[in-house]
Amino acid sequence: MSDATPTGAPTDAPTYEEAREELVEVVRTLEAGGTTLEESLALWERGEALAKVCQAWLDGARTRLDEAIGAEDAD
């Protein structure tokens, strides 16, 4: 796998798979309940940040695919 990060993402951003897996754990924890309001808010904020990382990776992949298809069509 490439060490590339999505456009606009910090260089220390997790990979798509890492972000997705952590997001799944955040959702499980929130769904299980038993956390304080403050903990729930912190988890929600982390989940939002992870969702943005995942979206940036997906947007980057779409851009790369579009460029590859465009280059193929130009040939």
PDB file of N, CA and C in Angstrom:
ATOM      1  N   MET A   1       0.832  -1.184   0.000  1.00  0.00           N
ATOM      2  CA  MET A   1       0.000   0.000   0.000  1.00  0.00           C
ATOM      3  C   MET A   1       0.868   1.235   0.000  1.00  0.00           C
ATOM      4  N   SER A   2       0.402   2.284  -0.591  1.00  0.00           N
ATOM      5  CA  SER A   2       1.144   3.523  -0.703  1.00  0.00           C
ATOM      6  C   SER A   2       1.116   4.298   0.601  1.00  0.00           C
ATOM      7  N   ASP A   3       2.166   5.105   0.841  1.00  0.00           N
ATOM      8  CA  ASP A   3       2.217   5.963   2.008  1.00  0.00           C
ATOM      9  C   ASP A   3       1.541   7.294   1.735  1.00  0.00           C
ATOM     10  N   ALA A   4       0.918   7.448   0.586  1.00  0.00           N
ATOM     11  CA  ALA A   4       0.274   8.710   0.228  1.00  0.00           C
ATOM     12  C   ALA A   4      -0.884   8.991   1.164  1.00  0.00           C
ATOM     13  N   THR A   5      -1.118  10.269   1.400  1.00  0.00           N
ATOM     14  CA  THR A   5      -2.268  10.670   2.192  1.00  0.00           C
ATOM     15  C   THR A   5      -3.215  11.423   1.282  1.00  0.00           C
ATOM     16  N   PRO A   6      -4.484  11.476   1.638  1.00  0.00           N
ATOM     17  CA  PRO A   6      -5.429  12.187   0.787  1.00  0.00           C
ATOM     18  C   PRO A   6      -5.099  13.667   0.720  1.00  0.00           C
ATOM     19  N   THR A   7      -5.460  14.286  -0.368  1.00  0.00           N
ATOM     20  CA  THR A   7      -5.223  15.705  -0.549  1.00  0.00           C
ATOM     21  C   THR A   7      -5.832  16.491   0.593  1.00  0.00           C
ATOM     22  N   GLY A   8      -5.031  17.367   1.189  1.00  0.00           N
ATOM     23  CA  GLY A   8      -5.519  18.214   2.258  1.00  0.00           C
ATOM     24  C   GLY A   8      -5.472  17.576   3.630  1.00  0.00           C
ATOM     25  N   ALA A   9      -5.098  16.300   3.722  1.00  0.00           N
ATOM     26  CA  ALA A   9      -5.036  15.641   5.025  1.00  0.00           C
ATOM     27  C   ALA A   9      -3.653  15.832   5.626  1.00  0.00           C
ATOM     28  N   PRO A  10      -3.568  15.888   6.950  1.00  0.00           N
ATOM     29  CA  PRO A  10      -2.255  15.987   7.585  1.00  0.00           C
ATOM     30  C   PRO A  10      -1.425  14.762   7.245  1.00  0.00           C
ATOM     31  N   THR A  11      -0.121  14.925   7.194  1.00  0.00           N
ATOM     32  CA  THR A  11       0.737  13.799   6.834  1.00  0.00           C
ATOM     33  C   THR A  11       0.701  12.704   7.882  1.00  0.00           C
ATOM     34  N   ASP A  12       0.278  13.022   9.112  1.00  0.00           N
ATOM     35  CA  ASP A  12       0.183  12.006  10.152  1.00  0.00           C
ATOM     36  C   ASP A  12      -1.224  11.407  10.243  1.00  0.00           C
ATOM     37  N   ALA A  13      -2.056  11.674   9.233  1.00  0.00           N
ATOM     38  CA  ALA A  13      -3.415  11.134   9.210  1.00  0.00           C
ATOM     39  C   ALA A  13      -3.348   9.611   9.117  1.00  0.00           C
ATOM     40  N   PRO A  14      -4.283   8.925   9.780  1.00  0.00           N
ATOM     41  CA  PRO A  14      -4.298   7.461   9.674  1.00  0.00           C
ATOM     42  C   PRO A  14      -4.685   7.027   8.268  1.00  0.00           C
ATOM     43  N   THR A  15      -4.385   5.782   7.956  1.00  0.00           N
ATOM     44  CA  THR A  15      -4.831   5.234   6.685  1.00  0.00           C
ATOM     45  C   THR A  15      -6.351   5.128   6.711  1.00  0.00           C
ATOM     46  N   TYR A  16      -6.935   4.907   5.566  1.00  0.00           N
ATOM     47  CA  TYR A  16      -8.387   4.738   5.494  1.00  0.00           C
ATOM     48  C   TYR A  16      -8.826   3.591   6.401  1.00  0.00           C
ATOM     49  N   GLU A  17      -8.121   2.475   6.314  1.00  0.00           N
ATOM     50  CA  GLU A  17      -8.496   1.295   7.088  1.00  0.00           C
ATOM     51  C   GLU A  17      -8.384   1.551   8.590  1.00  0.00           C
ATOM     52  N   GLU A  18      -7.323   2.242   9.012  1.00  0.00           N
ATOM     53  CA  GLU A  18      -7.158   2.563  10.434  1.00  0.00           C
ATOM     54  C   GLU A  18      -8.277   3.477  10.924  1.00  0.00           C
ATOM     55  N   ALA A  19      -8.576   4.493  10.138  1.00  0.00           N
ATOM     56  CA  ALA A  19      -9.627   5.438  10.517  1.00  0.00           C
ATOM     57  C   ALA A  19     -10.986   4.750  10.567  1.00  0.00           C
ATOM     58  N   ARG A  20     -11.259   3.916   9.589  1.00  0.00           N
ATOM     59  CA  ARG A  20     -12.540   3.203   9.552  1.00  0.00           C
ATOM     60  C   ARG A  20     -12.681   2.273  10.751  1.00  0.00           C
ATOM     61  N   GLU A  21     -11.630   1.542  11.074  1.00  0.00           N
ATOM     62  CA  GLU A  21     -11.679   0.610  12.202  1.00  0.00           C
ATOM     63  C   GLU A  21     -11.883   1.357  13.521  1.00  0.00           C
ATOM     64  N   GLU A  22     -11.175   2.464  13.701  1.00  0.00           N
ATOM     65  CA  GLU A  22     -11.365   3.246  14.923  1.00  0.00           C
ATOM     66  C   GLU A  22     -12.772   3.827  14.979  1.00  0.00           C
ATOM     67  N   LEU A  23     -13.285   4.251  13.838  1.00  0.00           N
ATOM     68  CA  LEU A  23     -14.645   4.787  13.783  1.00  0.00           C
ATOM     69  C   LEU A  23     -15.661   3.717  14.188  1.00  0.00           C
ATOM     70  N   VAL A  24     -15.468   2.498  13.734  1.00  0.00           N
ATOM     71  CA  VAL A  24     -16.344   1.386  14.116  1.00  0.00           C
ATOM     72  C   VAL A  24     -16.317   1.206  15.632  1.00  0.00           C
ATOM     73  N   GLU A  25     -15.138   1.281  16.225  1.00  0.00           N
ATOM     74  CA  GLU A  25     -15.031   1.131  17.682  1.00  0.00           C
ATOM     75  C   GLU A  25     -15.713   2.281  18.420  1.00  0.00           C
ATOM     76  N   VAL A  26     -15.578   3.482  17.901  1.00  0.00           N
ATOM     77  CA  VAL A  26     -16.241   4.637  18.508  1.00  0.00           C
ATOM     78  C   VAL A  26     -17.757   4.432  18.491  1.00  0.00           C
ATOM     79  N   VAL A  27     -18.287   3.998  17.357  1.00  0.00           N
ATOM     80  CA  VAL A  27     -19.728   3.776  17.230  1.00  0.00           C
ATOM     81  C   VAL A  27     -20.181   2.672  18.188  1.00  0.00           C
ATOM     82  N   ARG A  28     -19.422   1.592  18.264  1.00  0.00           N
ATOM     83  CA  ARG A  28     -19.774   0.502  19.189  1.00  0.00           C
ATOM     84  C   ARG A  28     -19.831   1.009  20.624  1.00  0.00           C
ATOM     85  N   THR A  29     -18.845   1.797  21.005  1.00  0.00           N
ATOM     86  CA  THR A  29     -18.793   2.327  22.364  1.00  0.00           C
ATOM     87  C   THR A  29     -19.987   3.228  22.641  1.00  0.00           C
ATOM     88  N   LEU A  30     -20.308   4.095  21.687  1.00  0.00           N
ATOM     89  CA  LEU A  30     -21.459   4.981  21.869  1.00  0.00           C
ATOM     90  C   LEU A  30     -22.763   4.193  21.940  1.00  0.00           C
ATOM     91  N   GLU A  31     -22.900   3.190  21.094  1.00  0.00           N
ATOM     92  CA  GLU A  31     -24.121   2.388  21.087  1.00  0.00           C
ATOM     93  C   GLU A  31     -24.271   1.560  22.356  1.00  0.00           C
ATOM     94  N   ALA A  32     -23.162   1.144  22.937  1.00  0.00           N
ATOM     95  CA  ALA A  32     -23.206   0.328  24.150  1.00  0.00           C
ATOM     96  C   ALA A  32     -23.671   1.138  25.357  1.00  0.00           C
ATOM     97  N   GLY A  33     -23.462   2.449  25.280  1.00  0.00           N
ATOM     98  CA  GLY A  33     -23.863   3.302  26.399  1.00  0.00           C
ATOM     99  C   GLY A  33     -22.911   3.151  27.565  1.00  0.00           C
ATOM    100  N   GLY A  34     -23.345   3.675  28.700  1.00  0.00           N
ATOM    101  CA  GLY A  34     -22.534   3.548  29.897  1.00  0.00           C
ATOM    102  C   GLY A  34     -21.415   4.571  30.003  1.00  0.00           C
ATOM    103  N   THR A  35     -21.383   5.526  29.096  1.00  0.00           N
ATOM    104  CA  THR A  35     -20.362   6.568  29.175  1.00  0.00           C
ATOM    105  C   THR A  35     -21.011   7.845  29.711  1.00  0.00           C
ATOM    106  N   THR A  36     -20.173   8.666  30.282  1.00  0.00           N
ATOM    107  CA  THR A  36     -20.680   9.950  30.774  1.00  0.00           C
ATOM    108  C   THR A  36     -20.977  10.849  29.582  1.00  0.00           C
ATOM    109  N   LEU A  37     -21.685  11.920  29.855  1.00  0.00           N
ATOM    110  CA  LEU A  37     -21.980  12.884  28.791  1.00  0.00           C
ATOM    111  C   LEU A  37     -20.695  13.421  28.193  1.00  0.00           C
ATOM    112  N   GLU A  38     -19.739  13.760  29.033  1.00  0.00           N
ATOM    113  CA  GLU A  38     -18.461  14.295  28.546  1.00  0.00           C
ATOM    114  C   GLU A  38     -17.724  13.270  27.680  1.00  0.00           C
ATOM    115  N   GLU A  39     -17.714  12.011  28.113  1.00  0.00           N
ATOM    116  CA  GLU A  39     -17.070  10.952  27.326  1.00  0.00           C
ATOM    117  C   GLU A  39     -17.800  10.761  25.998  1.00  0.00           C
ATOM    118  N   SER A  40     -19.121  10.790  26.037  1.00  0.00           N
ATOM    119  CA  SER A  40     -19.911  10.631  24.815  1.00  0.00           C
ATOM    120  C   SER A  40     -19.627  11.760  23.826  1.00  0.00           C
ATOM    121  N   LEU A  41     -19.549  12.978  24.332  1.00  0.00           N
ATOM    122  CA  LEU A  41     -19.239  14.112  23.450  1.00  0.00           C
ATOM    123  C   LEU A  41     -17.848  13.973  22.839  1.00  0.00           C
ATOM    124  N   ALA A  42     -16.886  13.556  23.643  1.00  0.00           N
ATOM    125  CA  ALA A  42     -15.519  13.369  23.134  1.00  0.00           C
ATOM    126  C   ALA A  42     -15.499  12.276  22.067  1.00  0.00           C
ATOM    127  N   LEU A  43     -16.231  11.188  22.312  1.00  0.00           N
ATOM    128  CA  LEU A  43     -16.300  10.109  21.322  1.00  0.00           C
ATOM    129  C   LEU A  43     -16.975  10.588  20.046  1.00  0.00           C
ATOM    130  N   TRP A  44     -18.040  11.362  20.179  1.00  0.00           N
ATOM    131  CA  TRP A  44     -18.747  11.893  19.013  1.00  0.00           C
ATOM    132  C   TRP A  44     -17.802  12.760  18.177  1.00  0.00           C
ATOM    133  N   GLU A  45     -17.069  13.640  18.865  1.00  0.00           N
ATOM    134  CA  GLU A  45     -16.135  14.523  18.154  1.00  0.00           C
ATOM    135  C   GLU A  45     -15.051  13.715  17.456  1.00  0.00           C
ATOM    136  N   ARG A  46     -14.548  12.667  18.117  1.00  0.00           N
ATOM    137  CA  ARG A  46     -13.528  11.820  17.492  1.00  0.00           C
ATOM    138  C   ARG A  46     -14.128  11.111  16.277  1.00  0.00           C
ATOM    139  N   GLY A  47     -15.349  10.634  16.417  1.00  0.00           N
ATOM    140  CA  GLY A  47     -16.013   9.976  15.296  1.00  0.00           C
ATOM    141  C   GLY A  47     -16.187  10.901  14.108  1.00  0.00           C
ATOM    142  N   GLU A  48     -16.563  12.143  14.367  1.00  0.00           N
ATOM    143  CA  GLU A  48     -16.702  13.127  13.285  1.00  0.00           C
ATOM    144  C   GLU A  48     -15.362  13.349  12.583  1.00  0.00           C
ATOM    145  N   ALA A  49     -14.294  13.460  13.363  1.00  0.00           N
ATOM    146  CA  ALA A  49     -12.963  13.658  12.777  1.00  0.00           C
ATOM    147  C   ALA A  49     -12.552  12.446  11.940  1.00  0.00           C
ATOM    148  N   LEU A  50     -12.820  11.259  12.446  1.00  0.00           N
ATOM    149  CA  LEU A  50     -12.480  10.040  11.702  1.00  0.00           C
ATOM    150  C   LEU A  50     -13.302   9.923  10.424  1.00  0.00           C
ATOM    151  N   ALA A  51     -14.569  10.300  10.483  1.00  0.00           N
ATOM    152  CA  ALA A  51     -15.413  10.272   9.290  1.00  0.00           C
ATOM    153  C   ALA A  51     -14.860  11.212   8.223  1.00  0.00           C
ATOM    154  N   LYS A  52     -14.356  12.371   8.635  1.00  0.00           N
ATOM    155  CA  LYS A  52     -13.760  13.312   7.685  1.00  0.00           C
ATOM    156  C   LYS A  52     -12.496  12.732   7.049  1.00  0.00           C
ATOM    157  N   VAL A  53     -11.692  12.031   7.847  1.00  0.00           N
ATOM    158  CA  VAL A  53     -10.492  11.380   7.306  1.00  0.00           C
ATOM    159  C   VAL A  53     -10.894  10.339   6.267  1.00  0.00           C
ATOM    160  N   CYS A  54     -11.884   9.513   6.603  1.00  0.00           N
ATOM    161  CA  CYS A  54     -12.351   8.489   5.657  1.00  0.00           C
ATOM    162  C   CYS A  54     -12.868   9.136   4.374  1.00  0.00           C
ATOM    163  N   GLN A  55     -13.646  10.206   4.511  1.00  0.00           N
ATOM    164  CA  GLN A  55     -14.183  10.878   3.336  1.00  0.00           C
ATOM    165  C   GLN A  55     -13.071  11.463   2.477  1.00  0.00           C
ATOM    166  N   ALA A  56     -12.040  12.015   3.118  1.00  0.00           N
ATOM    167  CA  ALA A  56     -10.909  12.557   2.358  1.00  0.00           C
ATOM    168  C   ALA A  56     -10.211  11.458   1.560  1.00  0.00           C
ATOM    169  N   TRP A  57     -10.044  10.284   2.172  1.00  0.00           N
ATOM    170  CA  TRP A  57      -9.436   9.164   1.449  1.00  0.00           C
ATOM    171  C   TRP A  57     -10.313   8.748   0.261  1.00  0.00           C
ATOM    172  N   LEU A  58     -11.619   8.649   0.496  1.00  0.00           N
ATOM    173  CA  LEU A  58     -12.521   8.247  -0.587  1.00  0.00           C
ATOM    174  C   LEU A  58     -12.547   9.283  -1.705  1.00  0.00           C
ATOM    175  N   ASP A  59     -12.556  10.563  -1.342  1.00  0.00           N
ATOM    176  CA  ASP A  59     -12.522  11.621  -2.354  1.00  0.00           C
ATOM    177  C   ASP A  59     -11.227  11.553  -3.159  1.00  0.00           C
ATOM    178  N   GLY A  60     -10.119  11.297  -2.464  1.00  0.00           N
ATOM    179  CA  GLY A  60      -8.830  11.172  -3.154  1.00  0.00           C
ATOM    180  C   GLY A  60      -8.810   9.990  -4.107  1.00  0.00           C
ATOM    181  N   ALA A  61      -9.406   8.884  -3.668  1.00  0.00           N
ATOM    182  CA  ALA A  61      -9.463   7.703  -4.532  1.00  0.00           C
ATOM    183  C   ALA A  61     -10.310   7.991  -5.763  1.00  0.00           C
ATOM    184  N   ARG A  62     -11.429   8.703  -5.573  1.00  0.00           N
ATOM    185  CA  ARG A  62     -12.295   9.048  -6.706  1.00  0.00           C
ATOM    186  C   ARG A  62     -11.551   9.937  -7.693  1.00  0.00           C
ATOM    187  N   THR A  63     -10.806  10.901  -7.177  1.00  0.00           N
ATOM    188  CA  THR A  63     -10.038  11.798  -8.045  1.00  0.00           C
ATOM    189  C   THR A  63      -9.009  11.015  -8.849  1.00  0.00           C
ATOM    190  N   ARG A  64      -8.312  10.095  -8.169  1.00  0.00           N
ATOM    191  CA  ARG A  64      -7.308   9.289  -8.874  1.00  0.00           C
ATOM    192  C   ARG A  64      -7.947   8.419  -9.949  1.00  0.00           C
ATOM    193  N   LEU A  65      -9.101   7.840  -9.647  1.00  0.00           N
ATOM    194  CA  LEU A  65      -9.804   7.032 -10.643  1.00  0.00           C
ATOM    195  C   LEU A  65     -10.236   7.874 -11.834  1.00  0.00           C
ATOM    196  N   ASP A  66     -10.798   9.049 -11.538  1.00  0.00           N
ATOM    197  CA  ASP A  66     -11.230   9.941 -12.622  1.00  0.00           C
ATOM    198  C   ASP A  66     -10.048  10.341 -13.500  1.00  0.00           C
ATOM    199  N   GLU A  67      -8.910  10.629 -12.873  1.00  0.00           N
ATOM    200  CA  GLU A  67      -7.714  10.998 -13.639  1.00  0.00           C
ATOM    201  C   GLU A  67      -7.231   9.831 -14.483  1.00  0.00           C
ATOM    202  N   ALA A  68      -7.250   8.628 -13.910  1.00  0.00           N
ATOM    203  CA  ALA A  68      -6.806   7.448 -14.652  1.00  0.00           C
ATOM    204  C   ALA A  68      -7.731   7.174 -15.832  1.00  0.00           C
ATOM    205  N   ILE A  69      -9.015   7.304 -15.614  1.00  0.00           N
ATOM    206  CA  ILE A  69      -9.980   7.087 -16.696  1.00  0.00           C
ATOM    207  C   ILE A  69      -9.814   8.160 -17.765  1.00  0.00           C
ATOM    208  N   GLY A  70      -9.596   9.399 -17.333  1.00  0.00           N
ATOM    209  CA  GLY A  70      -9.387  10.493 -18.282  1.00  0.00           C
ATOM    210  C   GLY A  70      -8.125  10.288 -19.103  1.00  0.00           C
ATOM    211  N   ALA A  71      -7.062   9.816 -18.464  1.00  0.00           N
ATOM    212  CA  ALA A  71      -5.803   9.578 -19.172  1.00  0.00           C
ATOM    213  C   ALA A  71      -5.978   8.423 -20.164  1.00  0.00           C
ATOM    214  N   GLU A  72      -6.754   7.418 -19.751  1.00  0.00           N
ATOM    215  CA  GLU A  72      -7.000   6.274 -20.635  1.00  0.00           C
ATOM    216  C   GLU A  72      -7.823   6.697 -21.842  1.00  0.00           C
ATOM    217  N   ASP A  73      -8.814   7.555 -21.613  1.00  0.00           N
ATOM    218  CA  ASP A  73      -9.647   8.033 -22.706  1.00  0.00           C
ATOM    219  C   ASP A  73      -8.858   8.908 -23.669  1.00  0.00           C
ATOM    220  N   ALA A  74      -7.852   9.631 -23.145  1.00  0.00           N
ATOM    221  CA  ALA A  74      -7.060  10.528 -23.981  1.00  0.00           C
ATOM    222  C   ALA A  74      -6.124   9.737 -24.917  1.00  0.00           C
ATOM    223  N   ASP A  75      -5.824   8.485 -24.531  1.00  0.00           N
ATOM    224  CA  ASP A  75      -4.924   7.684 -25.358  1.00  0.00           C
ATOM    225  C   ASP A  75      -5.629   7.123 -26.513  1.00  0.00           C
TER     226      ASP A  75
END
